[in-house]
Amino acid sequence: MIKKEHHLNIKAYMPTAKTLAKNTAFNFLGQVLVALTAIIMVPMIVKGLGYASYGLLSLALVVLGSFSILEMGLGRSTTKFIAEYLNNGDWENLSAIFWSSLGLQLMLGALAGFFIASSAPIIAKSVNITTDKLTDVVNTIYVLALSAPIVLVSSSLRGTLEGAQRFDLVNYIKTITNISTYIIPAISIKFHLNVPTIVFLIFAVRILASIGYLFSCLHILPPLRKPIIIKKIHASSLFSYTGWVAISNIIVPFLTQIDRYLLATIVSVSAVTFYTVPFEILNGLWIIPGSISGVLFPAFSSLYANKNTDDIVNIYIRPIKYILLTLTPIVLIISIFAKDILLLWQGTTFADNSTIVLQILVIGVLINSLEWVPANLLMGIGRADLPAKVHIVQTPLYLALVYLFILKWGLIGAALAFTLRVIFEAVLIFAAVWRLIPEVRHVLLKRLSGVLYPLISFMVLLVILQKITMSLMIHVVMVIILCICYLLIAWLYVLEDSEKNMLLSFLPIGSKLAE
C-alpha cells in the first residue's frame, strides 16, 4: 500500500495560467521545429531514395502514425486519470492506473504486431510495386510489427507526463524523435541503406524515446516506482472512458478522408490535387489550436477533480480568446488574398481552380480550431461520450451531404460540405458545454465582446486594401503595417493586465517590464 502522505509537492503539478502558457509554447515550438525540418529534408530524401522507395517509406511512416488508432484512446485516458489522482494525492490509484495502462498497451501492441507480421506476405503482394522491391516491403512490414507495442506503450508514458503537466519533457523527447524521422533517412542515403533498415533505425530511436519517457515518469512521480498489481477495476475504469475516445479516433480520420475519395470517384483524381493543396496551406494553422488544446485536456481533468468551476471557466475562456486574436487575422488575410497566394505559390492553374475552395476551407478551419477548446473540456470532465455521440450523429448526415454537394458543385461542394460539417459539430459541442456548465455562457459573451471590434475593423480595412490597385510589394508592406496596428490595439485594449504580465514574464527582462 502506498501511503497518502507521500512526499510530493502537488502544487508543482497543478495547472496555473503561467504553466499552461509555457506548455503551449513548448507544444508550438516543437511542432514548428518538426515542420521546418520536414520542409528542408523531404526534397533531399525524395531525390536520394527515388520515388518508389520514398513511397514505401512514406507508407511505413503513415502506418507508424496510425498505430494510435489501435490503442483505442488509452493514452488520453491515462492523461485524464493521472491528472485527477495526482490532484487528489491518491498515490495508490496513480500507480495502479499507470501500470494498468502500460500492461494493456503492451498486450494490444503485441496482438497488433502479431497480426501485422502474420499478414506481411499478403499485404506485400497487394502493394503495386516492382518485384525487386517486394522483399523490402515484407521486411518493412516485419519491422512495423515489432514497432507496434513500443508505439502504444509510448502513448501511455507520454500521457502520464502530460497529466503531470510536464509538457517540457514530452516535447524534448517527442521533438527529437520526430526530427529523427527525417534526419535518419537523409543520413542513410549517404550509406546506401535500404528502406527496411531505415525503418528499423527509426524504430530503434522510438525504443530510446520510450525509455526516456519511462525514466522521466519514474523521476518526477516517485510513487510509480512501486508497481501496483493490475486490478480489474483499473482496467474497467480505463476502458469505460476509452471506449468513447476510441469511437471518435476512428470516425474523425474517416470523415476527414472520405471527401477526397468521393472527389476521385465522382469528379477526377486531378480534382483531389486541387482540393488537397489548399489543405497544405491550412495544416499550419492547426498548429496554434493544437498546441493549446493538448495542454487544456489534463488541466481540465485536474481542475474537475476538485470541482473548481471558477478556474475551469477562466481557463476555458482564455484559449478561445487567444485563438480568435491570433488565428482570425491570419484566416482573414488568407481568405481575402487567396487568389494571390495560390498564384504565387502554385501558379495560374491552381489559382483558377482552388481560390474559392481555399476561401471556404479556411473558414471551416477557424471554426474547427475554436471547437477544440470545448471538446477538450468535455473530455477533461469525463464526458468523452458527448463528442463521440456528435461524431456518430453527423457521420450519415455528412456522407449524404458531401456526396450530393460534390455531385452538384464538385470541388466547391466538397469544401462547403467540410465547412458545414465542422460548423454543425462546433454548435453541438459548444451547446453541450453551455448546458453542463451554465456559468460559461455569460462569461464567454462578456469576455469575448471586446475581441470583436478590432477583428471587424481589421477585416474591413483588409477588404478595402485588397480593392486598391498597387504593386505586390506595397500590398505586402501595407498588410504588415495593418497587422502591427492590430496587434498594438489588441495589446492595449483587449488583453487584461494579468495576461500582459504573464506574456512579459517570458521575456529576459519581462519581470522588470511587468512592474
Protein backbone atom coordinates (compact mmCIF):
# COMPACT_ATOMS: atom_id res chain seq x y z
CA MET A 1 0.00 0.00 0.00
CA ILE A 2 1.38 3.40 -0.97
CA LYS A 3 0.79 5.93 1.77
CA LYS A 4 -1.25 9.01 1.15
CA GLU A 5 1.48 11.15 2.78
CA HIS A 6 3.98 10.54 0.00
CA HIS A 7 6.41 13.44 -0.21
CA LEU A 8 5.28 15.13 -3.40
CA ASN A 9 4.55 18.80 -3.86
CA ILE A 10 1.16 18.52 -5.54
CA LYS A 11 1.13 22.24 -6.36
CA ALA A 12 4.04 21.71 -8.72
CA TYR A 13 1.75 19.63 -10.96
CA MET A 14 -1.27 21.91 -10.88
CA PRO A 15 -2.33 23.89 -13.98
CA THR A 16 -1.70 27.62 -13.42
CA ALA A 17 -2.06 30.26 -16.14
CA LYS A 18 1.71 30.58 -16.49
CA THR A 19 2.20 26.80 -16.59
CA LEU A 20 -0.41 26.46 -19.33
CA ALA A 21 1.23 29.27 -21.31
CA LYS A 22 4.66 27.63 -21.02
CA ASN A 23 3.24 24.24 -22.00
CA THR A 24 1.55 25.78 -25.03
CA ALA A 25 4.83 27.40 -26.04
CA PHE A 26 6.63 24.04 -25.77
CA ASN A 27 3.98 22.36 -27.94
CA PHE A 28 4.08 25.15 -30.52
CA LEU A 29 7.87 25.31 -30.82
CA GLY A 30 8.11 21.51 -31.02
CA GLN A 31 5.66 21.33 -33.92
CA VAL A 32 7.30 24.25 -35.73
CA LEU A 33 10.77 22.67 -35.47
CA VAL A 34 9.49 19.38 -36.89
CA ALA A 35 7.64 21.18 -39.71
CA LEU A 36 10.75 23.18 -40.66
CA THR A 37 12.87 20.02 -40.62
CA ALA A 38 10.39 18.32 -42.95
CA ILE A 39 10.40 21.27 -45.37
CA ILE A 40 14.21 21.19 -45.56
CA MET A 41 14.78 17.43 -45.57
CA VAL A 42 11.92 15.93 -47.63
CA PRO A 43 13.15 17.11 -51.07
CA MET A 44 16.61 15.73 -50.28
CA ILE A 45 15.19 12.38 -49.13
CA VAL A 46 12.92 12.03 -52.19
CA LYS A 47 15.82 12.72 -54.52
CA GLY A 48 18.14 10.31 -52.70
CA LEU A 49 15.72 7.38 -52.32
CA GLY A 50 13.77 7.71 -55.56
CA TYR A 51 10.01 7.78 -55.92
CA ALA A 52 9.36 4.07 -55.28
CA SER A 53 11.50 3.78 -52.14
CA TYR A 54 10.29 7.09 -50.76
CA GLY A 55 6.71 5.98 -51.37
CA LEU A 56 7.38 2.83 -49.33
CA LEU A 57 9.00 4.86 -46.56
CA SER A 58 6.05 7.27 -46.54
CA LEU A 59 3.59 4.38 -46.22
CA ALA A 60 5.65 2.96 -43.34
CA LEU A 61 5.56 6.30 -41.52
CA VAL A 62 1.80 6.56 -42.11
CA VAL A 63 1.36 3.10 -40.56
CA LEU A 64 3.51 4.12 -37.57
CA GLY A 65 1.33 7.18 -37.10
CA SER A 66 -1.90 5.21 -37.45
CA PHE A 67 -0.96 2.86 -34.59
CA SER A 68 -2.55 5.47 -32.33
CA ILE A 69 -5.93 4.16 -33.52
CA LEU A 70 -5.04 0.70 -32.18
CA GLU A 71 -4.50 1.97 -28.64
CA MET A 72 -8.22 2.82 -28.53
CA GLY A 73 -7.66 6.12 -26.69
CA LEU A 74 -5.82 4.58 -23.72
CA GLY A 75 -3.16 7.30 -23.88
CA ARG A 76 -5.75 10.05 -23.41
CA SER A 77 -7.49 8.08 -20.68
CA THR A 78 -4.18 7.74 -18.86
CA THR A 79 -3.66 11.51 -19.02
CA LYS A 80 -7.09 12.14 -17.51
CA PHE A 81 -6.78 9.71 -14.61
CA ILE A 82 -3.17 10.64 -13.81
CA ALA A 83 -4.19 14.33 -13.61
CA GLU A 84 -7.15 13.51 -11.33
CA TYR A 85 -5.29 11.15 -8.97
CA LEU A 86 -2.29 13.46 -8.78
CA ASN A 87 -4.58 16.36 -7.90
CA ASN A 88 -6.17 14.29 -5.09
CA GLY A 89 -2.87 12.85 -3.83
CA ASP A 90 -4.17 9.33 -4.43
CA TRP A 91 -0.81 7.63 -4.92
CA GLU A 92 -2.11 4.05 -4.92
CA ASN A 93 -4.54 4.64 -7.78
CA LEU A 94 -1.95 6.82 -9.52
CA SER A 95 0.49 3.92 -9.68
CA ALA A 96 -2.22 1.37 -10.45
CA ILE A 97 -3.65 3.28 -13.40
CA PHE A 98 -0.14 3.85 -14.77
CA TRP A 99 0.89 0.18 -14.72
CA SER A 100 -2.58 -0.97 -15.83
CA SER A 101 -2.36 1.30 -18.85
CA LEU A 102 1.14 0.10 -19.74
CA GLY A 103 0.11 -3.53 -19.41
CA LEU A 104 -2.95 -3.08 -21.60
CA GLN A 105 -0.99 -1.16 -24.23
CA LEU A 106 1.69 -3.85 -24.31
CA MET A 107 -0.93 -6.57 -24.87
CA LEU A 108 -2.75 -4.58 -27.58
CA GLY A 109 0.56 -3.78 -29.28
CA ALA A 110 1.69 -7.41 -29.18
CA LEU A 111 -1.61 -8.59 -30.70
CA ALA A 112 -1.46 -5.92 -33.40
CA GLY A 113 2.17 -6.76 -34.14
CA PHE A 114 1.41 -10.48 -34.42
CA PHE A 115 -1.47 -9.80 -36.81
CA ILE A 116 0.64 -7.46 -38.97
CA ALA A 117 3.59 -9.89 -39.09
CA SER A 118 1.32 -12.81 -39.98
CA SER A 119 -0.24 -10.83 -42.80
CA ALA A 120 3.07 -9.48 -44.17
CA PRO A 121 3.24 -11.62 -47.36
CA ILE A 122 -0.42 -10.91 -48.21
CA ILE A 123 -0.04 -7.17 -47.59
CA ALA A 124 3.18 -7.05 -49.65
CA LYS A 125 1.54 -8.68 -52.67
CA SER A 126 -1.35 -6.19 -52.54
CA VAL A 127 1.05 -3.25 -52.98
CA ASN A 128 1.55 -2.13 -56.57
CA ILE A 129 5.36 -2.22 -56.65
CA THR A 130 8.08 -3.78 -58.79
CA THR A 131 9.20 -7.35 -57.99
CA ASP A 132 12.71 -6.30 -56.95
CA LYS A 133 11.21 -4.17 -54.16
CA LEU A 134 8.91 -6.93 -52.83
CA THR A 135 11.43 -8.17 -50.25
CA ASP A 136 11.85 -4.61 -48.97
CA VAL A 137 8.10 -4.35 -48.50
CA VAL A 138 7.91 -7.61 -46.50
CA ASN A 139 10.88 -6.70 -44.29
CA THR A 140 9.46 -3.22 -43.69
CA ILE A 141 6.17 -4.76 -42.55
CA TYR A 142 8.04 -7.03 -40.10
CA VAL A 143 9.80 -4.01 -38.59
CA LEU A 144 6.46 -2.21 -38.30
CA ALA A 145 5.04 -5.25 -36.50
CA LEU A 146 7.87 -5.00 -33.95
CA SER A 147 7.17 -1.29 -33.53
CA ALA A 148 3.51 -1.65 -32.57
CA PRO A 149 3.98 -2.42 -28.81
CA ILE A 150 6.59 0.35 -28.46
CA VAL A 151 4.41 2.99 -30.12
CA LEU A 152 1.40 2.07 -27.96
CA VAL A 153 3.37 1.97 -24.70
CA SER A 154 4.90 5.35 -25.55
CA SER A 155 1.39 6.78 -25.82
CA SER A 156 0.62 5.95 -22.17
CA LEU A 157 4.03 7.11 -20.96
CA ARG A 158 3.60 10.40 -22.79
CA GLY A 159 0.05 10.68 -21.43
CA THR A 160 1.37 10.27 -17.89
CA LEU A 161 3.81 13.16 -18.31
CA GLU A 162 1.07 15.32 -19.81
CA GLY A 163 -1.22 14.50 -16.87
CA ALA A 164 1.56 15.76 -14.60
CA GLN A 165 1.84 18.99 -16.66
CA ARG A 166 5.37 18.11 -17.84
CA PHE A 167 4.99 19.11 -21.47
CA ASP A 168 8.60 20.30 -21.42
CA LEU A 169 9.86 16.71 -21.04
CA VAL A 170 7.28 15.41 -23.54
CA ASN A 171 8.38 17.90 -26.18
CA TYR A 172 12.11 17.43 -25.62
CA ILE A 173 11.76 13.73 -26.36
CA LYS A 174 8.96 13.90 -28.95
CA THR A 175 10.60 16.67 -30.98
CA ILE A 176 13.93 14.85 -31.17
CA THR A 177 12.12 11.63 -32.09
CA ASN A 178 10.06 13.27 -34.84
CA ILE A 179 13.03 15.16 -36.26
CA SER A 180 14.99 11.90 -36.37
CA THR A 181 12.29 10.57 -38.72
CA TYR A 182 13.74 12.94 -41.35
CA ILE A 183 17.39 13.00 -40.23
CA ILE A 184 17.82 9.21 -40.32
CA PRO A 185 16.69 8.77 -43.97
CA ALA A 186 18.81 11.77 -45.01
CA ILE A 187 21.94 10.25 -43.42
CA SER A 188 21.07 6.73 -44.59
CA ILE A 189 21.16 7.88 -48.21
CA LYS A 190 24.90 8.53 -47.82
CA PHE A 191 25.43 4.89 -46.78
CA HIS A 192 23.02 3.47 -49.42
CA LEU A 193 20.79 1.83 -46.79
CA ASN A 194 17.50 0.27 -47.92
CA VAL A 195 14.06 1.20 -46.62
CA PRO A 196 13.69 -1.69 -44.09
CA THR A 197 16.99 -0.67 -42.48
CA ILE A 198 15.90 2.97 -42.34
CA VAL A 199 12.59 1.99 -40.73
CA PHE A 200 14.47 -0.22 -38.24
CA LEU A 201 16.69 2.71 -37.24
CA ILE A 202 13.60 4.87 -36.77
CA PHE A 203 12.15 2.06 -34.64
CA ALA A 204 15.37 1.97 -32.57
CA VAL A 205 15.07 5.69 -31.86
CA ARG A 206 11.48 5.12 -30.71
CA ILE A 207 12.70 2.49 -28.26
CA LEU A 208 15.15 5.03 -26.83
CA ALA A 209 12.34 7.59 -26.68
CA SER A 210 10.14 5.15 -24.74
CA ILE A 211 12.97 4.54 -22.28
CA GLY A 212 13.34 8.31 -21.94
CA TYR A 213 9.61 8.69 -21.26
CA LEU A 214 9.69 5.86 -18.70
CA PHE A 215 12.63 7.27 -16.73
CA SER A 216 11.05 10.72 -16.83
CA CYS A 217 7.80 9.32 -15.39
CA LEU A 218 9.62 7.46 -12.62
CA HIS A 219 11.76 10.50 -11.84
CA ILE A 220 9.03 13.12 -11.50
CA LEU A 221 6.45 10.75 -9.94
CA PRO A 222 8.24 8.56 -7.34
CA PRO A 223 5.03 6.66 -6.39
CA LEU A 224 5.23 4.94 -9.79
CA ARG A 225 8.45 3.19 -8.74
CA LYS A 226 6.35 0.80 -6.66
CA PRO A 227 4.23 -1.08 -9.19
CA ILE A 228 0.70 -1.92 -8.09
CA ILE A 229 -0.84 -5.20 -9.22
CA ILE A 230 -3.20 -4.54 -12.10
CA LYS A 231 -6.74 -4.81 -10.80
CA LYS A 232 -9.90 -5.40 -12.75
CA ILE A 233 -11.35 -2.10 -11.51
CA HIS A 234 -8.49 -0.10 -13.02
CA ALA A 235 -8.76 -1.85 -16.39
CA SER A 236 -12.53 -1.30 -16.44
CA SER A 237 -12.10 2.40 -15.50
CA LEU A 238 -9.72 2.87 -18.41
CA PHE A 239 -11.90 1.04 -20.91
CA SER A 240 -15.18 2.66 -19.84
CA TYR A 241 -13.73 6.07 -20.70
CA THR A 242 -11.58 4.84 -23.55
CA GLY A 243 -14.48 3.30 -25.48
CA TRP A 244 -15.93 6.69 -26.35
CA VAL A 245 -12.50 8.14 -27.17
CA ALA A 246 -11.89 5.19 -29.49
CA ILE A 247 -15.12 5.88 -31.39
CA SER A 248 -14.01 9.46 -32.07
CA ASN A 249 -10.50 8.29 -33.02
CA ILE A 250 -11.99 6.00 -35.67
CA ILE A 251 -14.71 8.30 -37.05
CA VAL A 252 -12.75 11.56 -37.32
CA PRO A 253 -9.99 10.27 -39.66
CA PHE A 254 -12.68 8.63 -41.80
CA LEU A 255 -14.63 11.88 -42.10
CA THR A 256 -11.51 13.86 -42.99
CA GLN A 257 -10.56 11.48 -45.83
CA ILE A 258 -13.89 10.45 -47.38
CA ASP A 259 -14.31 13.72 -49.33
CA ARG A 260 -11.05 13.05 -51.19
CA TYR A 261 -12.19 9.54 -52.14
CA LEU A 262 -15.54 10.84 -53.40
CA LEU A 263 -13.84 13.59 -55.41
CA ALA A 264 -11.62 10.99 -57.07
CA THR A 265 -14.57 8.77 -57.97
CA ILE A 266 -17.17 11.40 -58.87
CA VAL A 267 -15.02 14.17 -60.40
CA SER A 268 -11.42 13.10 -61.10
CA VAL A 269 -8.11 12.28 -59.43
CA SER A 270 -6.84 15.71 -60.52
CA ALA A 271 -9.65 17.30 -58.52
CA VAL A 272 -8.20 15.69 -55.39
CA THR A 273 -4.96 17.58 -56.02
CA PHE A 274 -6.76 20.93 -56.39
CA TYR A 275 -8.62 20.15 -53.13
CA THR A 276 -5.68 18.80 -51.13
CA VAL A 277 -3.16 21.56 -51.93
CA PRO A 278 -5.22 24.28 -50.15
CA PHE A 279 -5.24 22.00 -47.10
CA GLU A 280 -1.42 22.02 -47.20
CA ILE A 281 -1.60 25.77 -46.62
CA LEU A 282 -4.14 25.36 -43.83
CA ASN A 283 -2.43 22.49 -41.99
CA GLY A 284 0.00 25.00 -40.48
CA LEU A 285 -2.92 26.91 -38.93
CA TRP A 286 -3.87 23.88 -36.84
CA ILE A 287 -0.53 24.14 -35.03
CA ILE A 288 -1.93 27.02 -32.96
CA PRO A 289 -5.10 25.32 -31.61
CA GLY A 290 -3.25 22.00 -31.47
CA SER A 291 -0.59 23.49 -29.20
CA ILE A 292 -3.24 25.00 -26.93
CA SER A 293 -5.75 22.14 -26.80
CA GLY A 294 -3.15 19.50 -25.94
CA VAL A 295 -2.40 21.43 -22.76
CA LEU A 296 -6.04 22.04 -21.83
CA PHE A 297 -7.14 18.41 -21.56
CA PRO A 298 -5.04 17.46 -18.48
CA ALA A 299 -5.69 20.91 -16.98
CA PHE A 300 -9.47 20.45 -17.17
CA SER A 301 -9.14 16.91 -15.77
CA SER A 302 -7.11 18.16 -12.81
CA LEU A 303 -9.41 21.08 -12.00
CA TYR A 304 -12.57 18.99 -12.36
CA ALA A 305 -11.26 16.56 -9.75
CA ASN A 306 -11.64 19.40 -7.20
CA LYS A 307 -14.90 20.72 -8.73
CA ASN A 308 -13.13 24.03 -9.28
CA THR A 309 -15.70 25.58 -11.62
CA ASP A 310 -14.35 29.15 -11.48
CA ASP A 311 -10.88 28.11 -12.67
CA ILE A 312 -12.39 25.81 -15.30
CA VAL A 313 -14.42 28.71 -16.73
CA ASN A 314 -11.41 31.04 -16.67
CA ILE A 315 -9.12 28.54 -18.40
CA TYR A 316 -11.90 27.74 -20.89
CA ILE A 317 -12.43 31.37 -21.93
CA ARG A 318 -8.80 32.41 -22.39
CA PRO A 319 -7.78 29.92 -25.10
CA ILE A 320 -10.87 30.80 -27.16
CA LYS A 321 -9.89 34.43 -26.82
CA TYR A 322 -6.28 33.75 -27.83
CA ILE A 323 -7.28 31.61 -30.82
CA LEU A 324 -9.62 34.35 -32.01
CA LEU A 325 -6.94 37.02 -31.59
CA THR A 326 -4.14 35.08 -33.31
CA LEU A 327 -5.86 32.89 -35.88
CA THR A 328 -8.65 35.12 -37.16
CA PRO A 329 -6.33 37.79 -38.71
CA ILE A 330 -4.37 35.03 -40.49
CA VAL A 331 -7.62 33.47 -41.74
CA LEU A 332 -8.84 36.85 -42.99
CA ILE A 333 -5.59 37.50 -44.87
CA ILE A 334 -5.69 34.04 -46.48
CA SER A 335 -9.36 34.40 -47.41
CA ILE A 336 -9.11 37.88 -48.91
CA PHE A 337 -5.80 37.30 -50.72
CA ALA A 338 -6.45 33.62 -51.56
CA LYS A 339 -6.03 34.05 -55.32
CA ASP A 340 -2.76 35.98 -54.96
CA ILE A 341 -1.38 33.40 -52.51
CA LEU A 342 -2.18 30.46 -54.82
CA LEU A 343 -0.90 32.34 -57.86
CA LEU A 344 2.48 32.98 -56.22
CA TRP A 345 2.78 29.52 -54.64
CA GLN A 346 1.37 27.15 -57.28
CA GLY A 347 0.66 29.16 -60.44
CA THR A 348 -2.33 30.14 -62.55
CA THR A 349 -3.94 26.68 -62.80
CA PHE A 350 -4.26 26.36 -59.02
CA ALA A 351 -5.36 29.97 -58.65
CA ASP A 352 -8.19 29.35 -61.13
CA ASN A 353 -9.33 26.03 -59.61
CA SER A 354 -8.64 26.36 -55.89
CA THR A 355 -9.23 30.00 -54.88
CA ILE A 356 -12.88 29.62 -53.81
CA VAL A 357 -12.05 26.24 -52.28
CA LEU A 358 -9.34 27.82 -50.12
CA GLN A 359 -11.64 30.67 -49.06
CA ILE A 360 -14.33 28.24 -47.93
CA LEU A 361 -11.98 25.78 -46.23
CA VAL A 362 -10.16 28.45 -44.22
CA ILE A 363 -13.46 29.44 -42.56
CA GLY A 364 -14.00 25.82 -41.61
CA VAL A 365 -10.50 25.60 -40.14
CA LEU A 366 -11.17 28.62 -37.90
CA ILE A 367 -14.48 27.19 -36.63
CA ASN A 368 -12.89 23.78 -36.09
CA SER A 369 -9.96 25.35 -34.19
CA LEU A 370 -12.32 27.12 -31.78
CA GLU A 371 -14.25 23.88 -31.23
CA TRP A 372 -11.15 22.09 -29.95
CA VAL A 373 -11.41 24.03 -26.67
CA PRO A 374 -14.93 22.91 -25.61
CA ALA A 375 -14.22 19.40 -26.94
CA ASN A 376 -11.22 19.12 -24.61
CA LEU A 377 -13.29 20.48 -21.73
CA LEU A 378 -15.89 17.76 -22.24
CA MET A 379 -13.16 15.13 -22.41
CA GLY A 380 -11.48 16.53 -19.30
CA ILE A 381 -14.63 16.44 -17.16
CA GLY A 382 -15.26 12.83 -18.12
CA ARG A 383 -17.90 13.38 -20.83
CA ALA A 384 -16.00 11.82 -23.75
CA ASP A 385 -19.33 10.29 -24.73
CA LEU A 386 -20.70 13.64 -25.93
CA PRO A 387 -18.10 14.36 -28.67
CA ALA A 388 -18.32 10.71 -29.72
CA LYS A 389 -22.12 10.90 -29.99
CA VAL A 390 -21.82 14.08 -32.06
CA HIS A 391 -19.43 12.25 -34.41
CA ILE A 392 -21.82 9.30 -34.67
CA VAL A 393 -24.81 11.54 -35.46
CA GLN A 394 -23.01 13.62 -38.06
CA THR A 395 -21.47 10.68 -39.96
CA PRO A 396 -24.52 9.61 -42.04
CA LEU A 397 -25.59 13.25 -42.47
CA TYR A 398 -22.15 14.25 -43.73
CA LEU A 399 -21.87 11.27 -46.08
CA ALA A 400 -25.16 12.21 -47.75
CA LEU A 401 -24.27 15.92 -47.80
CA VAL A 402 -20.75 15.58 -49.21
CA TYR A 403 -21.92 13.13 -51.89
CA LEU A 404 -24.73 15.42 -53.08
CA PHE A 405 -22.59 18.58 -52.89
CA ILE A 406 -19.73 17.03 -54.86
CA LEU A 407 -22.20 15.68 -57.41
CA LYS A 408 -23.66 19.17 -57.88
CA TRP A 409 -20.72 21.56 -57.33
CA GLY A 410 -17.57 19.42 -57.47
CA LEU A 411 -14.57 20.95 -55.65
CA ILE A 412 -16.56 23.81 -54.18
CA GLY A 413 -19.19 21.34 -53.00
CA ALA A 414 -16.58 19.32 -51.10
CA ALA A 415 -15.27 22.48 -49.41
CA LEU A 416 -18.80 23.61 -48.50
CA ALA A 417 -19.64 20.18 -47.05
CA PHE A 418 -16.47 20.21 -44.90
CA THR A 419 -17.18 23.69 -43.55
CA LEU A 420 -20.86 22.95 -42.85
CA ARG A 421 -19.84 19.74 -41.04
CA VAL A 422 -17.42 21.49 -38.69
CA ILE A 423 -19.95 24.28 -38.02
CA PHE A 424 -22.61 21.67 -37.15
CA GLU A 425 -20.13 19.87 -34.89
CA ALA A 426 -18.97 23.10 -33.21
CA VAL A 427 -22.53 24.25 -32.46
CA LEU A 428 -23.38 20.94 -30.74
CA ILE A 429 -20.10 20.80 -28.78
CA PHE A 430 -20.39 24.42 -27.58
CA ALA A 431 -24.05 23.83 -26.68
CA ALA A 432 -23.11 20.76 -24.62
CA VAL A 433 -20.60 22.80 -22.59
CA TRP A 434 -23.12 25.61 -22.08
CA ARG A 435 -25.65 23.12 -20.75
CA LEU A 436 -23.24 21.29 -18.43
CA ILE A 437 -21.54 24.45 -17.12
CA PRO A 438 -24.09 27.32 -17.31
CA GLU A 439 -21.56 29.85 -15.95
CA VAL A 440 -19.67 29.62 -19.23
CA ARG A 441 -22.24 31.31 -21.48
CA HIS A 442 -22.40 34.58 -19.50
CA VAL A 443 -18.65 34.90 -19.03
CA LEU A 444 -17.97 33.94 -22.66
CA LEU A 445 -20.17 36.68 -24.10
CA LYS A 446 -18.85 39.26 -21.66
CA ARG A 447 -15.12 38.47 -22.07
CA LEU A 448 -15.13 38.00 -25.85
CA SER A 449 -17.20 41.01 -26.87
CA GLY A 450 -14.11 43.24 -26.77
CA VAL A 451 -12.28 40.95 -29.21
CA LEU A 452 -14.83 41.50 -31.97
CA TYR A 453 -14.26 45.23 -32.51
CA PRO A 454 -10.59 45.08 -33.58
CA LEU A 455 -11.28 41.95 -35.65
CA ILE A 456 -14.17 43.55 -37.55
CA SER A 457 -12.10 46.71 -38.13
CA PHE A 458 -9.18 44.59 -39.34
CA MET A 459 -11.43 42.72 -41.80
CA VAL A 460 -12.96 45.92 -43.23
CA LEU A 461 -9.54 47.52 -43.74
CA LEU A 462 -8.21 44.35 -45.39
CA VAL A 463 -11.11 44.30 -47.87
CA ILE A 464 -10.53 47.97 -48.71
CA LEU A 465 -6.79 47.32 -49.11
CA GLN A 466 -7.42 44.37 -51.43
CA LYS A 467 -9.60 46.53 -53.71
CA ILE A 468 -6.91 49.20 -54.13
CA THR A 469 -4.66 48.73 -57.16
CA MET A 470 -0.99 48.72 -56.16
CA SER A 471 2.18 46.69 -56.63
CA LEU A 472 2.61 43.39 -54.78
CA MET A 473 5.46 44.76 -52.64
CA ILE A 474 3.40 47.75 -51.48
CA HIS A 475 0.45 45.42 -50.82
CA VAL A 476 2.61 43.22 -48.58
CA VAL A 477 4.04 46.23 -46.71
CA MET A 478 0.55 47.65 -46.13
CA VAL A 479 -0.73 44.31 -44.79
CA ILE A 480 2.27 44.11 -42.42
CA ILE A 481 1.60 47.65 -41.15
CA LEU A 482 -2.07 46.79 -40.67
CA CYS A 483 -1.13 43.65 -38.70
CA ILE A 484 1.21 45.67 -36.45
CA CYS A 485 -1.56 48.19 -35.75
CA TYR A 486 -3.98 45.35 -35.00
CA LEU A 487 -1.54 43.72 -32.55
CA LEU A 488 -0.93 47.05 -30.83
CA ILE A 489 -4.66 47.68 -30.39
CA ALA A 490 -5.17 44.10 -29.13
CA TRP A 491 -2.35 44.58 -26.60
CA LEU A 492 -3.62 47.94 -25.36
CA TYR A 493 -7.38 47.35 -25.28
CA VAL A 494 -8.15 43.61 -25.44
CA LEU A 495 -5.65 41.83 -23.21
CA GLU A 496 -6.10 42.15 -19.46
CA ASP A 497 -3.24 43.34 -17.23
CA SER A 498 -2.73 39.83 -15.83
CA GLU A 499 -2.40 38.45 -19.37
CA LYS A 500 0.09 41.15 -20.34
CA ASN A 501 2.21 40.47 -17.26
CA MET A 502 2.15 36.75 -17.96
CA LEU A 503 3.34 37.26 -21.55
CA LEU A 504 6.01 39.75 -20.48
CA SER A 505 7.32 37.28 -17.89
CA PHE A 506 8.60 35.06 -20.71
CA LEU A 507 10.98 37.80 -21.87
CA PRO A 508 14.52 38.01 -20.39
CA ILE A 509 13.66 41.42 -18.91
CA GLY A 510 9.99 40.55 -18.54
CA SER A 511 9.79 40.86 -14.77
CA LYS A 512 11.05 44.46 -14.90
CA LEU A 513 8.68 45.34 -17.77
CA ALA A 514 5.76 43.78 -15.94
CA GLU A 515 6.42 46.05 -12.98
